[in-house]
Amino acid sequence: MTEEKHLAEQTCVPCKGGTPPLAPERVRDLLASLDPGWQLSEDGTRISRRIATRNFARALELTDEVGAMAETQKHHPDIALGWGYCSVSWTTHAAGGLTENDFICAARTDRLAGPPPG
């Protein structure tokens, strides 16, 4: 773990217009502390993960859990679900890219997802 305090234990800080996105080097460092399933978009403005689930019911449950967490953090993802998966994408619109809030919420998403179904 590269962070002094694990990202999932941190709290999002409200962003305002004009908040700068993270530098690419910082994005790479933070991405390395997440589940390896997270992917950086080609333009570097979004991180996404497709999470495998046992069935549709678990995908829906995970969607609800991520949504509830997002509400507590006041930072909201794009979420898609189907049978056996839930896809989550984080970006900070106010910054036009990624901020630490995205990585905090991604780490919290990892905790909610738990280990892959087996």
PDB file of N, CA and C in Angstrom:
ATOM      1  N   MET A   1       0.858  -1.179   0.000  1.00  0.00           N
ATOM      2  CA  MET A   1       0.000   0.000   0.000  1.00  0.00           C
ATOM      3  C   MET A   1       0.897   1.232   0.000  1.00  0.00           C
ATOM      4  N   THR A   2       0.686   2.110  -0.965  1.00  0.00           N
ATOM      5  CA  THR A   2       1.557   3.266  -1.110  1.00  0.00           C
ATOM      6  C   THR A   2       1.063   4.489  -0.349  1.00  0.00           C
ATOM      7  N   GLU A   3      -0.127   4.453   0.154  1.00  0.00           N
ATOM      8  CA  GLU A   3      -0.684   5.615   0.843  1.00  0.00           C
ATOM      9  C   GLU A   3      -0.475   5.493   2.349  1.00  0.00           C
ATOM     10  N   GLU A   4      -0.178   6.633   3.024  1.00  0.00           N
ATOM     11  CA  GLU A   4       0.009   6.617   4.468  1.00  0.00           C
ATOM     12  C   GLU A   4      -1.254   6.132   5.168  1.00  0.00           C
ATOM     13  N   LYS A   5      -2.378   6.655   4.791  1.00  0.00           N
ATOM     14  CA  LYS A   5      -3.662   6.225   5.310  1.00  0.00           C
ATOM     15  C   LYS A   5      -4.402   5.625   4.114  1.00  0.00           C
ATOM     16  N   HIS A   6      -4.860   4.391   4.241  1.00  0.00           N
ATOM     17  CA  HIS A   6      -5.493   3.732   3.109  1.00  0.00           C
ATOM     18  C   HIS A   6      -6.595   4.616   2.535  1.00  0.00           C
ATOM     19  N   LEU A   7      -6.671   4.680   1.232  1.00  0.00           N
ATOM     20  CA  LEU A   7      -7.641   5.528   0.547  1.00  0.00           C
ATOM     21  C   LEU A   7      -9.064   5.271   1.025  1.00  0.00           C
ATOM     22  N   ALA A   8      -9.414   4.010   1.254  1.00  0.00           N
ATOM     23  CA  ALA A   8     -10.785   3.674   1.651  1.00  0.00           C
ATOM     24  C   ALA A   8     -11.152   4.231   3.020  1.00  0.00           C
ATOM     25  N   GLU A   9     -10.182   4.639   3.806  1.00  0.00           N
ATOM     26  CA  GLU A   9     -10.447   5.216   5.126  1.00  0.00           C
ATOM     27  C   GLU A   9     -10.519   6.735   5.082  1.00  0.00           C
ATOM     28  N   GLN A  10     -10.274   7.322   3.920  1.00  0.00           N
ATOM     29  CA  GLN A  10     -10.326   8.768   3.770  1.00  0.00           C
ATOM     30  C   GLN A  10     -11.733   9.197   3.365  1.00  0.00           C
ATOM     31  N   THR A  11     -11.981  10.486   3.455  1.00  0.00           N
ATOM     32  CA  THR A  11     -13.278  11.067   3.112  1.00  0.00           C
ATOM     33  C   THR A  11     -13.081  12.066   1.986  1.00  0.00           C
ATOM     34  N   CYS A  12     -14.026  12.069   1.053  1.00  0.00           N
ATOM     35  CA  CYS A  12     -13.954  13.006  -0.065  1.00  0.00           C
ATOM     36  C   CYS A  12     -14.052  14.447   0.414  1.00  0.00           C
ATOM     37  N   VAL A  13     -13.352  15.322  -0.297  1.00  0.00           N
ATOM     38  CA  VAL A  13     -13.380  16.761  -0.038  1.00  0.00           C
ATOM     39  C   VAL A  13     -14.188  17.401  -1.158  1.00  0.00           C
ATOM     40  N   PRO A  14     -15.178  18.227  -0.823  1.00  0.00           N
ATOM     41  CA  PRO A  14     -15.990  18.845  -1.879  1.00  0.00           C
ATOM     42  C   PRO A  14     -15.127  19.619  -2.880  1.00  0.00           C
ATOM     43  N   CYS A  15     -15.448  19.450  -4.167  1.00  0.00           N
ATOM     44  CA  CYS A  15     -14.740  20.158  -5.233  1.00  0.00           C
ATOM     45  C   CYS A  15     -15.599  21.304  -5.750  1.00  0.00           C
ATOM     46  N   LYS A  16     -14.931  22.310  -6.232  1.00  0.00           N
ATOM     47  CA  LYS A  16     -15.597  23.442  -6.853  1.00  0.00           C
ATOM     48  C   LYS A  16     -15.052  23.577  -8.260  1.00  0.00           C
ATOM     49  N   GLY A  17     -15.776  24.311  -9.117  1.00  0.00           N
ATOM     50  CA  GLY A  17     -15.271  24.577 -10.450  1.00  0.00           C
ATOM     51  C   GLY A  17     -13.889  25.195 -10.354  1.00  0.00           C
ATOM     52  N   GLY A  18     -13.009  24.804 -11.242  1.00  0.00           N
ATOM     53  CA  GLY A  18     -11.646  25.317 -11.205  1.00  0.00           C
ATOM     54  C   GLY A  18     -10.692  24.434 -10.435  1.00  0.00           C
ATOM     55  N   THR A  19     -11.206  23.363  -9.787  1.00  0.00           N
ATOM     56  CA  THR A  19     -10.335  22.410  -9.114  1.00  0.00           C
ATOM     57  C   THR A  19      -9.482  21.722 -10.173  1.00  0.00           C
ATOM     58  N   PRO A  20      -8.168  21.726 -10.024  1.00  0.00           N
ATOM     59  CA  PRO A  20      -7.340  21.102 -11.061  1.00  0.00           C
ATOM     60  C   PRO A  20      -7.363  19.573 -10.952  1.00  0.00           C
ATOM     61  N   PRO A  21      -7.277  18.881 -12.080  1.00  0.00           N
ATOM     62  CA  PRO A  21      -7.147  17.424 -12.022  1.00  0.00           C
ATOM     63  C   PRO A  21      -5.751  17.045 -11.539  1.00  0.00           C
ATOM     64  N   LEU A  22      -5.621  15.799 -11.102  1.00  0.00           N
ATOM     65  CA  LEU A  22      -4.329  15.303 -10.642  1.00  0.00           C
ATOM     66  C   LEU A  22      -3.336  15.205 -11.802  1.00  0.00           C
ATOM     67  N   ALA A  23      -2.074  15.371 -11.466  1.00  0.00           N
ATOM     68  CA  ALA A  23      -0.997  15.175 -12.444  1.00  0.00           C
ATOM     69  C   ALA A  23      -0.928  13.692 -12.814  1.00  0.00           C
ATOM     70  N   PRO A  24      -0.536  13.371 -14.043  1.00  0.00           N
ATOM     71  CA  PRO A  24      -0.460  11.965 -14.475  1.00  0.00           C
ATOM     72  C   PRO A  24       0.375  11.075 -13.552  1.00  0.00           C
ATOM     73  N   GLU A  25       1.457  11.608 -12.993  1.00  0.00           N
ATOM     74  CA  GLU A  25       2.298  10.808 -12.096  1.00  0.00           C
ATOM     75  C   GLU A  25       1.524  10.424 -10.837  1.00  0.00           C
ATOM     76  N   ARG A  26       0.749  11.351 -10.301  1.00  0.00           N
ATOM     77  CA  ARG A  26      -0.052  11.081  -9.099  1.00  0.00           C
ATOM     78  C   ARG A  26      -1.152  10.077  -9.424  1.00  0.00           C
ATOM     79  N   VAL A  27      -1.764  10.205 -10.591  1.00  0.00           N
ATOM     80  CA  VAL A  27      -2.789   9.254 -11.015  1.00  0.00           C
ATOM     81  C   VAL A  27      -2.194   7.846 -11.049  1.00  0.00           C
ATOM     82  N   ARG A  28      -1.013   7.681 -11.629  1.00  0.00           N
ATOM     83  CA  ARG A  28      -0.367   6.367 -11.701  1.00  0.00           C
ATOM     84  C   ARG A  28      -0.087   5.816 -10.301  1.00  0.00           C
ATOM     85  N   ASP A  29       0.398   6.667  -9.386  1.00  0.00           N
ATOM     86  CA  ASP A  29       0.680   6.219  -8.018  1.00  0.00           C
ATOM     87  C   ASP A  29      -0.595   5.747  -7.319  1.00  0.00           C
ATOM     88  N   LEU A  30      -1.666   6.532  -7.436  1.00  0.00           N
ATOM     89  CA  LEU A  30      -2.917   6.176  -6.774  1.00  0.00           C
ATOM     90  C   LEU A  30      -3.548   4.941  -7.416  1.00  0.00           C
ATOM     91  N   LEU A  31      -3.481   4.833  -8.722  1.00  0.00           N
ATOM     92  CA  LEU A  31      -4.037   3.680  -9.424  1.00  0.00           C
ATOM     93  C   LEU A  31      -3.360   2.390  -8.958  1.00  0.00           C
ATOM     94  N   ALA A  32      -2.075   2.464  -8.682  1.00  0.00           N
ATOM     95  CA  ALA A  32      -1.324   1.289  -8.229  1.00  0.00           C
ATOM     96  C   ALA A  32      -1.784   0.800  -6.859  1.00  0.00           C
ATOM     97  N   SER A  33      -2.460   1.639  -6.086  1.00  0.00           N
ATOM     98  CA  SER A  33      -2.920   1.238  -4.757  1.00  0.00           C
ATOM     99  C   SER A  33      -4.314   0.608  -4.781  1.00  0.00           C
ATOM    100  N   LEU A  34      -4.940   0.559  -5.965  1.00  0.00           N
ATOM    101  CA  LEU A  34      -6.283  -0.014  -6.102  1.00  0.00           C
ATOM    102  C   LEU A  34      -6.217  -1.454  -6.613  1.00  0.00           C
ATOM    103  N   ASP A  35      -7.364  -2.117  -6.628  1.00  0.00           N
ATOM    104  CA  ASP A  35      -7.485  -3.429  -7.254  1.00  0.00           C
ATOM    105  C   ASP A  35      -6.953  -3.325  -8.688  1.00  0.00           C
ATOM    106  N   PRO A  36      -6.224  -4.326  -9.159  1.00  0.00           N
ATOM    107  CA  PRO A  36      -5.653  -4.243 -10.503  1.00  0.00           C
ATOM    108  C   PRO A  36      -6.698  -4.214 -11.626  1.00  0.00           C
ATOM    109  N   GLY A  37      -7.960  -4.434 -11.306  1.00  0.00           N
ATOM    110  CA  GLY A  37      -9.011  -4.381 -12.312  1.00  0.00           C
ATOM    111  C   GLY A  37      -9.365  -2.982 -12.775  1.00  0.00           C
ATOM    112  N   TRP A  38      -8.907  -1.958 -12.057  1.00  0.00           N
ATOM    113  CA  TRP A  38      -9.214  -0.580 -12.453  1.00  0.00           C
ATOM    114  C   TRP A  38      -8.411  -0.211 -13.695  1.00  0.00           C
ATOM    115  N   GLN A  39      -9.089   0.439 -14.636  1.00  0.00           N
ATOM    116  CA  GLN A  39      -8.469   0.860 -15.890  1.00  0.00           C
ATOM    117  C   GLN A  39      -8.578   2.369 -16.033  1.00  0.00           C
ATOM    118  N   LEU A  40      -7.529   2.970 -16.508  1.00  0.00           N
ATOM    119  CA  LEU A  40      -7.506   4.404 -16.788  1.00  0.00           C
ATOM    120  C   LEU A  40      -7.976   4.620 -18.220  1.00  0.00           C
ATOM    121  N   SER A  41      -8.896   5.560 -18.425  1.00  0.00           N
ATOM    122  CA  SER A  41      -9.375   5.849 -19.778  1.00  0.00           C
ATOM    123  C   SER A  41      -8.224   6.368 -20.636  1.00  0.00           C
ATOM    124  N   GLU A  42      -8.378   6.252 -21.933  1.00  0.00           N
ATOM    125  CA  GLU A  42      -7.322   6.689 -22.861  1.00  0.00           C
ATOM    126  C   GLU A  42      -6.966   8.155 -22.677  1.00  0.00           C
ATOM    127  N   ASP A  43      -7.973   8.983 -22.366  1.00  0.00           N
ATOM    128  CA  ASP A  43      -7.699  10.416 -22.187  1.00  0.00           C
ATOM    129  C   ASP A  43      -7.273  10.757 -20.760  1.00  0.00           C
ATOM    130  N   GLY A  44      -7.194   9.748 -19.874  1.00  0.00           N
ATOM    131  CA  GLY A  44      -6.711   9.954 -18.513  1.00  0.00           C
ATOM    132  C   GLY A  44      -7.671  10.693 -17.583  1.00  0.00           C
ATOM    133  N   THR A  45      -8.958  10.761 -17.951  1.00  0.00           N
ATOM    134  CA  THR A  45      -9.909  11.533 -17.144  1.00  0.00           C
ATOM    135  C   THR A  45     -10.860  10.674 -16.321  1.00  0.00           C
ATOM    136  N   ARG A  46     -10.753   9.346 -16.417  1.00  0.00           N
ATOM    137  CA  ARG A  46     -11.721   8.464 -15.771  1.00  0.00           C
ATOM    138  C   ARG A  46     -11.043   7.151 -15.410  1.00  0.00           C
ATOM    139  N   ILE A  47     -11.463   6.552 -14.279  1.00  0.00           N
ATOM    140  CA  ILE A  47     -11.054   5.198 -13.935  1.00  0.00           C
ATOM    141  C   ILE A  47     -12.315   4.342 -13.880  1.00  0.00           C
ATOM    142  N   SER A  48     -12.199   3.102 -14.373  1.00  0.00           N
ATOM    143  CA  SER A  48     -13.352   2.207 -14.448  1.00  0.00           C
ATOM    144  C   SER A  48     -12.942   0.798 -14.067  1.00  0.00           C
ATOM    145  N   ARG A  49     -13.920   0.081 -13.499  1.00  0.00           N
ATOM    146  CA  ARG A  49     -13.697  -1.320 -13.151  1.00  0.00           C
ATOM    147  C   ARG A  49     -14.978  -2.095 -13.397  1.00  0.00           C
ATOM    148  N   ARG A  50     -14.858  -3.230 -14.054  1.00  0.00           N
ATOM    149  CA  ARG A  50     -15.977  -4.162 -14.211  1.00  0.00           C
ATOM    150  C   ARG A  50     -15.786  -5.245 -13.155  1.00  0.00           C
ATOM    151  N   ILE A  51     -16.758  -5.350 -12.259  1.00  0.00           N
ATOM    152  CA  ILE A  51     -16.671  -6.266 -11.125  1.00  0.00           C
ATOM    153  C   ILE A  51     -17.564  -7.470 -11.396  1.00  0.00           C
ATOM    154  N   ALA A  52     -16.969  -8.657 -11.422  1.00  0.00           N
ATOM    155  CA  ALA A  52     -17.735  -9.886 -11.610  1.00  0.00           C
ATOM    156  C   ALA A  52     -18.512 -10.201 -10.336  1.00  0.00           C
ATOM    157  N   THR A  53     -19.757 -10.636 -10.514  1.00  0.00           N
ATOM    158  CA  THR A  53     -20.603 -11.032  -9.386  1.00  0.00           C
ATOM    159  C   THR A  53     -21.171 -12.426  -9.646  1.00  0.00           C
ATOM    160  N   ARG A  54     -21.714 -13.038  -8.606  1.00  0.00           N
ATOM    161  CA  ARG A  54     -22.272 -14.393  -8.708  1.00  0.00           C
ATOM    162  C   ARG A  54     -23.483 -14.451  -9.633  1.00  0.00           C
ATOM    163  N   ASN A  55     -24.261 -13.359  -9.650  1.00  0.00           N
ATOM    164  CA  ASN A  55     -25.525 -13.369 -10.375  1.00  0.00           C
ATOM    165  C   ASN A  55     -26.059 -11.935 -10.465  1.00  0.00           C
ATOM    166  N   PHE A  56     -27.225 -11.783 -11.034  1.00  0.00           N
ATOM    167  CA  PHE A  56     -27.809 -10.455 -11.178  1.00  0.00           C
ATOM    168  C   PHE A  56     -28.150  -9.851  -9.814  1.00  0.00           C
ATOM    169  N   ALA A  57     -28.648 -10.666  -8.895  1.00  0.00           N
ATOM    170  CA  ALA A  57     -29.041 -10.150  -7.581  1.00  0.00           C
ATOM    171  C   ALA A  57     -27.842  -9.506  -6.878  1.00  0.00           C
ATOM    172  N   ARG A  58     -26.673 -10.146  -6.942  1.00  0.00           N
ATOM    173  CA  ARG A  58     -25.479  -9.567  -6.303  1.00  0.00           C
ATOM    174  C   ARG A  58     -25.031  -8.312  -7.037  1.00  0.00           C
ATOM    175  N   ALA A  59     -25.152  -8.294  -8.367  1.00  0.00           N
ATOM    176  CA  ALA A  59     -24.793  -7.088  -9.130  1.00  0.00           C
ATOM    177  C   ALA A  59     -25.678  -5.924  -8.714  1.00  0.00           C
ATOM    178  N   LEU A  60     -26.968  -6.185  -8.545  1.00  0.00           N
ATOM    179  CA  LEU A  60     -27.896  -5.141  -8.121  1.00  0.00           C
ATOM    180  C   LEU A  60     -27.598  -4.691  -6.688  1.00  0.00           C
ATOM    181  N   GLU A  61     -27.301  -5.644  -5.819  1.00  0.00           N
ATOM    182  CA  GLU A  61     -26.946  -5.331  -4.431  1.00  0.00           C
ATOM    183  C   GLU A  61     -25.684  -4.461  -4.383  1.00  0.00           C
ATOM    184  N   LEU A  62     -24.675  -4.829  -5.164  1.00  0.00           N
ATOM    185  CA  LEU A  62     -23.433  -4.059  -5.201  1.00  0.00           C
ATOM    186  C   LEU A  62     -23.693  -2.653  -5.748  1.00  0.00           C
ATOM    187  N   THR A  63     -24.527  -2.548  -6.766  1.00  0.00           N
ATOM    188  CA  THR A  63     -24.893  -1.240  -7.309  1.00  0.00           C
ATOM    189  C   THR A  63     -25.503  -0.364  -6.216  1.00  0.00           C
ATOM    190  N   ASP A  64     -26.412  -0.948  -5.434  1.00  0.00           N
ATOM    191  CA  ASP A  64     -27.032  -0.202  -4.329  1.00  0.00           C
ATOM    192  C   ASP A  64     -26.001   0.202  -3.274  1.00  0.00           C
ATOM    193  N   GLU A  65     -25.081  -0.708  -2.954  1.00  0.00           N
ATOM    194  CA  GLU A  65     -24.048  -0.415  -1.953  1.00  0.00           C
ATOM    195  C   GLU A  65     -23.124   0.710  -2.422  1.00  0.00           C
ATOM    196  N   VAL A  66     -22.700   0.643  -3.675  1.00  0.00           N
ATOM    197  CA  VAL A  66     -21.837   1.697  -4.223  1.00  0.00           C
ATOM    198  C   VAL A  66     -22.599   3.020  -4.262  1.00  0.00           C
ATOM    199  N   GLY A  67     -23.859   2.969  -4.646  1.00  0.00           N
ATOM    200  CA  GLY A  67     -24.674   4.184  -4.675  1.00  0.00           C
ATOM    201  C   GLY A  67     -24.835   4.811  -3.300  1.00  0.00           C
ATOM    202  N   ALA A  68     -25.070   3.994  -2.281  1.00  0.00           N
ATOM    203  CA  ALA A  68     -25.207   4.509  -0.916  1.00  0.00           C
ATOM    204  C   ALA A  68     -23.892   5.116  -0.437  1.00  0.00           C
ATOM    205  N   MET A  69     -22.782   4.450  -0.734  1.00  0.00           N
ATOM    206  CA  MET A  69     -21.469   4.995  -0.365  1.00  0.00           C
ATOM    207  C   MET A  69     -21.236   6.324  -1.068  1.00  0.00           C
ATOM    208  N   ALA A  70     -21.573   6.382  -2.346  1.00  0.00           N
ATOM    209  CA  ALA A  70     -21.391   7.616  -3.116  1.00  0.00           C
ATOM    210  C   ALA A  70     -22.185   8.762  -2.501  1.00  0.00           C
ATOM    211  N   GLU A  71     -23.378   8.476  -2.054  1.00  0.00           N
ATOM    212  CA  GLU A  71     -24.195   9.508  -1.407  1.00  0.00           C
ATOM    213  C   GLU A  71     -23.516  10.020  -0.131  1.00  0.00           C
ATOM    214  N   THR A  72     -22.940   9.112   0.673  1.00  0.00           N
ATOM    215  CA  THR A  72     -22.272   9.561   1.903  1.00  0.00           C
ATOM    216  C   THR A  72     -21.056  10.419   1.588  1.00  0.00           C
ATOM    217  N   GLN A  73     -20.389  10.125   0.465  1.00  0.00           N
ATOM    218  CA  GLN A  73     -19.193  10.870   0.076  1.00  0.00           C
ATOM    219  C   GLN A  73     -19.521  12.103  -0.768  1.00  0.00           C
ATOM    220  N   LYS A  74     -20.783  12.205  -1.206  1.00  0.00           N
ATOM    221  CA  LYS A  74     -21.218  13.297  -2.086  1.00  0.00           C
ATOM    222  C   LYS A  74     -20.357  13.364  -3.355  1.00  0.00           C
ATOM    223  N   HIS A  75     -20.067  12.170  -3.872  1.00  0.00           N
ATOM    224  CA  HIS A  75     -19.268  12.020  -5.093  1.00  0.00           C
ATOM    225  C   HIS A  75     -19.859  10.824  -5.824  1.00  0.00           C
ATOM    226  N   HIS A  76     -20.292  11.012  -7.062  1.00  0.00           N
ATOM    227  CA  HIS A  76     -21.142  10.021  -7.699  1.00  0.00           C
ATOM    228  C   HIS A  76     -20.540   9.443  -8.976  1.00  0.00           C
ATOM    229  N   PRO A  77     -20.616   8.104  -9.125  1.00  0.00           N
ATOM    230  CA  PRO A  77     -20.051   7.425 -10.293  1.00  0.00           C
ATOM    231  C   PRO A  77     -21.094   7.215 -11.389  1.00  0.00           C
ATOM    232  N   ASP A  78     -20.621   6.727 -12.511  1.00  0.00           N
ATOM    233  CA  ASP A  78     -21.484   6.118 -13.516  1.00  0.00           C
ATOM    234  C   ASP A  78     -21.455   4.627 -13.205  1.00  0.00           C
ATOM    235  N   ILE A  79     -22.636   4.009 -13.178  1.00  0.00           N
ATOM    236  CA  ILE A  79     -22.740   2.584 -12.849  1.00  0.00           C
ATOM    237  C   ILE A  79     -23.586   1.888 -13.909  1.00  0.00           C
ATOM    238  N   ALA A  80     -23.132   0.707 -14.327  1.00  0.00           N
ATOM    239  CA  ALA A  80     -23.911  -0.149 -15.219  1.00  0.00           C
ATOM    240  C   ALA A  80     -23.911  -1.548 -14.610  1.00  0.00           C
ATOM    241  N   LEU A  81     -24.998  -2.276 -14.800  1.00  0.00           N
ATOM    242  CA  LEU A  81     -25.025  -3.632 -14.280  1.00  0.00           C
ATOM    243  C   LEU A  81     -25.755  -4.550 -15.229  1.00  0.00           C
ATOM    244  N   GLY A  82     -25.497  -5.815 -15.078  1.00  0.00           N
ATOM    245  CA  GLY A  82     -26.160  -6.861 -15.842  1.00  0.00           C
ATOM    246  C   GLY A  82     -25.946  -8.168 -15.112  1.00  0.00           C
ATOM    247  N   TRP A  83     -26.371  -9.274 -15.722  1.00  0.00           N
ATOM    248  CA  TRP A  83     -26.195 -10.554 -15.068  1.00  0.00           C
ATOM    249  C   TRP A  83     -24.710 -10.826 -14.909  1.00  0.00           C
ATOM    250  N   GLY A  84     -24.277 -10.929 -13.655  1.00  0.00           N
ATOM    251  CA  GLY A  84     -22.903 -11.308 -13.371  1.00  0.00           C
ATOM    252  C   GLY A  84     -21.882 -10.191 -13.364  1.00  0.00           C
ATOM    253  N   TYR A  85     -22.321  -8.941 -13.430  1.00  0.00           N
ATOM    254  CA  TYR A  85     -21.333  -7.859 -13.362  1.00  0.00           C
ATOM    255  C   TYR A  85     -21.965  -6.537 -12.920  1.00  0.00           C
ATOM    256  N   CYS A  86     -21.091  -5.684 -12.394  1.00  0.00           N
ATOM    257  CA  CYS A  86     -21.402  -4.292 -12.076  1.00  0.00           C
ATOM    258  C   CYS A  86     -20.182  -3.495 -12.518  1.00  0.00           C
ATOM    259  N   SER A  87     -20.388  -2.518 -13.394  1.00  0.00           N
ATOM    260  CA  SER A  87     -19.287  -1.670 -13.863  1.00  0.00           C
ATOM    261  C   SER A  87     -19.415  -0.301 -13.222  1.00  0.00           C
ATOM    262  N   VAL A  88     -18.294   0.197 -12.694  1.00  0.00           N
ATOM    263  CA  VAL A  88     -18.280   1.479 -11.996  1.00  0.00           C
ATOM    264  C   VAL A  88     -17.192   2.358 -12.602  1.00  0.00           C
ATOM    265  N   SER A  89     -17.529   3.622 -12.882  1.00  0.00           N
ATOM    266  CA  SER A  89     -16.571   4.589 -13.416  1.00  0.00           C
ATOM    267  C   SER A  89     -16.590   5.845 -12.565  1.00  0.00           C
ATOM    268  N   TRP A  90     -15.406   6.340 -12.245  1.00  0.00           N
ATOM    269  CA  TRP A  90     -15.259   7.552 -11.440  1.00  0.00           C
ATOM    270  C   TRP A  90     -14.520   8.622 -12.226  1.00  0.00           C
ATOM    271  N   THR A  91     -14.975   9.858 -12.107  1.00  0.00           N
ATOM    272  CA  THR A  91     -14.319  11.039 -12.627  1.00  0.00           C
ATOM    273  C   THR A  91     -14.835  12.223 -11.813  1.00  0.00           C
ATOM    274  N   THR A  92     -14.136  13.335 -11.860  1.00  0.00           N
ATOM    275  CA  THR A  92     -14.595  14.544 -11.171  1.00  0.00           C
ATOM    276  C   THR A  92     -14.903  15.588 -12.228  1.00  0.00           C
ATOM    277  N   HIS A  93     -16.190  15.785 -12.471  1.00  0.00           N
ATOM    278  CA  HIS A  93     -16.611  16.721 -13.517  1.00  0.00           C
ATOM    279  C   HIS A  93     -16.103  18.136 -13.258  1.00  0.00           C
ATOM    280  N   ALA A  94     -16.116  18.568 -11.993  1.00  0.00           N
ATOM    281  CA  ALA A  94     -15.684  19.932 -11.664  1.00  0.00           C
ATOM    282  C   ALA A  94     -14.218  20.162 -12.015  1.00  0.00           C
ATOM    283  N   ALA A  95     -13.429  19.086 -12.030  1.00  0.00           N
ATOM    284  CA  ALA A  95     -11.997  19.197 -12.344  1.00  0.00           C
ATOM    285  C   ALA A  95     -11.711  18.851 -13.801  1.00  0.00           C
ATOM    286  N   GLY A  96     -12.680  18.304 -14.486  1.00  0.00           N
ATOM    287  CA  GLY A  96     -12.441  17.876 -15.856  1.00  0.00           C
ATOM    288  C   GLY A  96     -11.476  16.709 -15.933  1.00  0.00           C
ATOM    289  N   GLY A  97     -11.449  15.899 -14.891  1.00  0.00           N
ATOM    290  CA  GLY A  97     -10.539  14.755 -14.842  1.00  0.00           C
ATOM    291  C   GLY A  97     -10.586  14.087 -13.487  1.00  0.00           C
ATOM    292  N   LEU A  98      -9.481  13.522 -13.077  1.00  0.00           N
ATOM    293  CA  LEU A  98      -9.416  12.758 -11.835  1.00  0.00           C
ATOM    294  C   LEU A  98      -8.882  13.590 -10.674  1.00  0.00           C
ATOM    295  N   THR A  99      -9.500  13.380  -9.506  1.00  0.00           N
ATOM    296  CA  THR A  99      -9.029  13.969  -8.258  1.00  0.00           C
ATOM    297  C   THR A  99      -8.869  12.838  -7.242  1.00  0.00           C
ATOM    298  N   GLU A 100      -8.347  13.147  -6.085  1.00  0.00           N
ATOM    299  CA  GLU A 100      -8.209  12.114  -5.058  1.00  0.00           C
ATOM    300  C   GLU A 100      -9.559  11.534  -4.674  1.00  0.00           C
ATOM    301  N   ASN A 101     -10.635  12.319  -4.794  1.00  0.00           N
ATOM    302  CA  ASN A 101     -11.972  11.802  -4.484  1.00  0.00           C
ATOM    303  C   ASN A 101     -12.291  10.555  -5.296  1.00  0.00           C
ATOM    304  N   ASP A 102     -11.886  10.535  -6.556  1.00  0.00           N
ATOM    305  CA  ASP A 102     -12.161   9.376  -7.401  1.00  0.00           C
ATOM    306  C   ASP A 102     -11.457   8.132  -6.874  1.00  0.00           C
ATOM    307  N   PHE A 103     -10.249   8.302  -6.392  1.00  0.00           N
ATOM    308  CA  PHE A 103      -9.484   7.166  -5.884  1.00  0.00           C
ATOM    309  C   PHE A 103      -9.965   6.735  -4.503  1.00  0.00           C
ATOM    310  N   ILE A 104     -10.408   7.672  -3.691  1.00  0.00           N
ATOM    311  CA  ILE A 104     -11.019   7.331  -2.404  1.00  0.00           C
ATOM    312  C   ILE A 104     -12.255   6.471  -2.654  1.00  0.00           C
ATOM    313  N   CYS A 105     -13.107   6.913  -3.562  1.00  0.00           N
ATOM    314  CA  CYS A 105     -14.333   6.172  -3.838  1.00  0.00           C
ATOM    315  C   CYS A 105     -14.059   4.851  -4.544  1.00  0.00           C
ATOM    316  N   ALA A 106     -13.045   4.793  -5.379  1.00  0.00           N
ATOM    317  CA  ALA A 106     -12.671   3.525  -6.017  1.00  0.00           C
ATOM    318  C   ALA A 106     -12.186   2.528  -4.957  1.00  0.00           C
ATOM    319  N   ALA A 107     -11.395   2.977  -4.004  1.00  0.00           N
ATOM    320  CA  ALA A 107     -10.919   2.093  -2.932  1.00  0.00           C
ATOM    321  C   ALA A 107     -12.093   1.616  -2.076  1.00  0.00           C
ATOM    322  N   ARG A 108     -13.040   2.500  -1.820  1.00  0.00           N
ATOM    323  CA  ARG A 108     -14.232   2.101  -1.075  1.00  0.00           C
ATOM    324  C   ARG A 108     -15.057   1.102  -1.892  1.00  0.00           C
ATOM    325  N   THR A 109     -15.100   1.282  -3.211  1.00  0.00           N
ATOM    326  CA  THR A 109     -15.783   0.336  -4.094  1.00  0.00           C
ATOM    327  C   THR A 109     -15.114  -1.029  -4.003  1.00  0.00           C
ATOM    328  N   ASP A 110     -13.778  -1.058  -3.996  1.00  0.00           N
ATOM    329  CA  ASP A 110     -13.044  -2.322  -3.865  1.00  0.00           C
ATOM    330  C   ASP A 110     -13.445  -3.050  -2.596  1.00  0.00           C
ATOM    331  N   ARG A 111     -13.565  -2.335  -1.504  1.00  0.00           N
ATOM    332  CA  ARG A 111     -13.945  -2.956  -0.232  1.00  0.00           C
ATOM    333  C   ARG A 111     -15.352  -3.532  -0.311  1.00  0.00           C
ATOM    334  N   LEU A 112     -16.262  -2.797  -0.933  1.00  0.00           N
ATOM    335  CA  LEU A 112     -17.631  -3.287  -1.064  1.00  0.00           C
ATOM    336  C   LEU A 112     -17.702  -4.515  -1.957  1.00  0.00           C
ATOM    337  N   ALA A 113     -16.895  -4.545  -3.005  1.00  0.00           N
ATOM    338  CA  ALA A 113     -16.920  -5.652  -3.969  1.00  0.00           C
ATOM    339  C   ALA A 113     -16.418  -6.949  -3.340  1.00  0.00           C
ATOM    340  N   GLY A 114     -15.450  -6.830  -2.437  1.00  0.00           N
ATOM    341  CA  GLY A 114     -14.888  -8.028  -1.825  1.00  0.00           C
ATOM    342  C   GLY A 114     -14.134  -8.886  -2.839  1.00  0.00           C
ATOM    343  N   PRO A 115     -13.837 -10.133  -2.462  1.00  0.00           N
ATOM    344  CA  PRO A 115     -13.090 -11.002  -3.379  1.00  0.00           C
ATOM    345  C   PRO A 115     -13.972 -11.443  -4.550  1.00  0.00           C
ATOM    346  N   PRO A 116     -13.347 -11.804  -5.670  1.00  0.00           N
ATOM    347  CA  PRO A 116     -14.127 -12.285  -6.826  1.00  0.00           C
ATOM    348  C   PRO A 116     -14.918 -13.533  -6.476  1.00  0.00           C
ATOM    349  N   PRO A 117     -16.073 -13.713  -7.123  1.00  0.00           N
ATOM    350  CA  PRO A 117     -16.858 -14.922  -6.846  1.00  0.00           C
ATOM    351  C   PRO A 117     -16.082 -16.173  -7.269  1.00  0.00           C
ATOM    352  N   GLY A 118     -16.272 -17.222  -6.535  1.00  0.00           N
ATOM    353  CA  GLY A 118     -15.526 -18.421  -6.882  1.00  0.00           C
ATOM    354  C   GLY A 118     -16.219 -19.637  -6.648  1.00  0.00           C
TER     355      GLY A 118
END
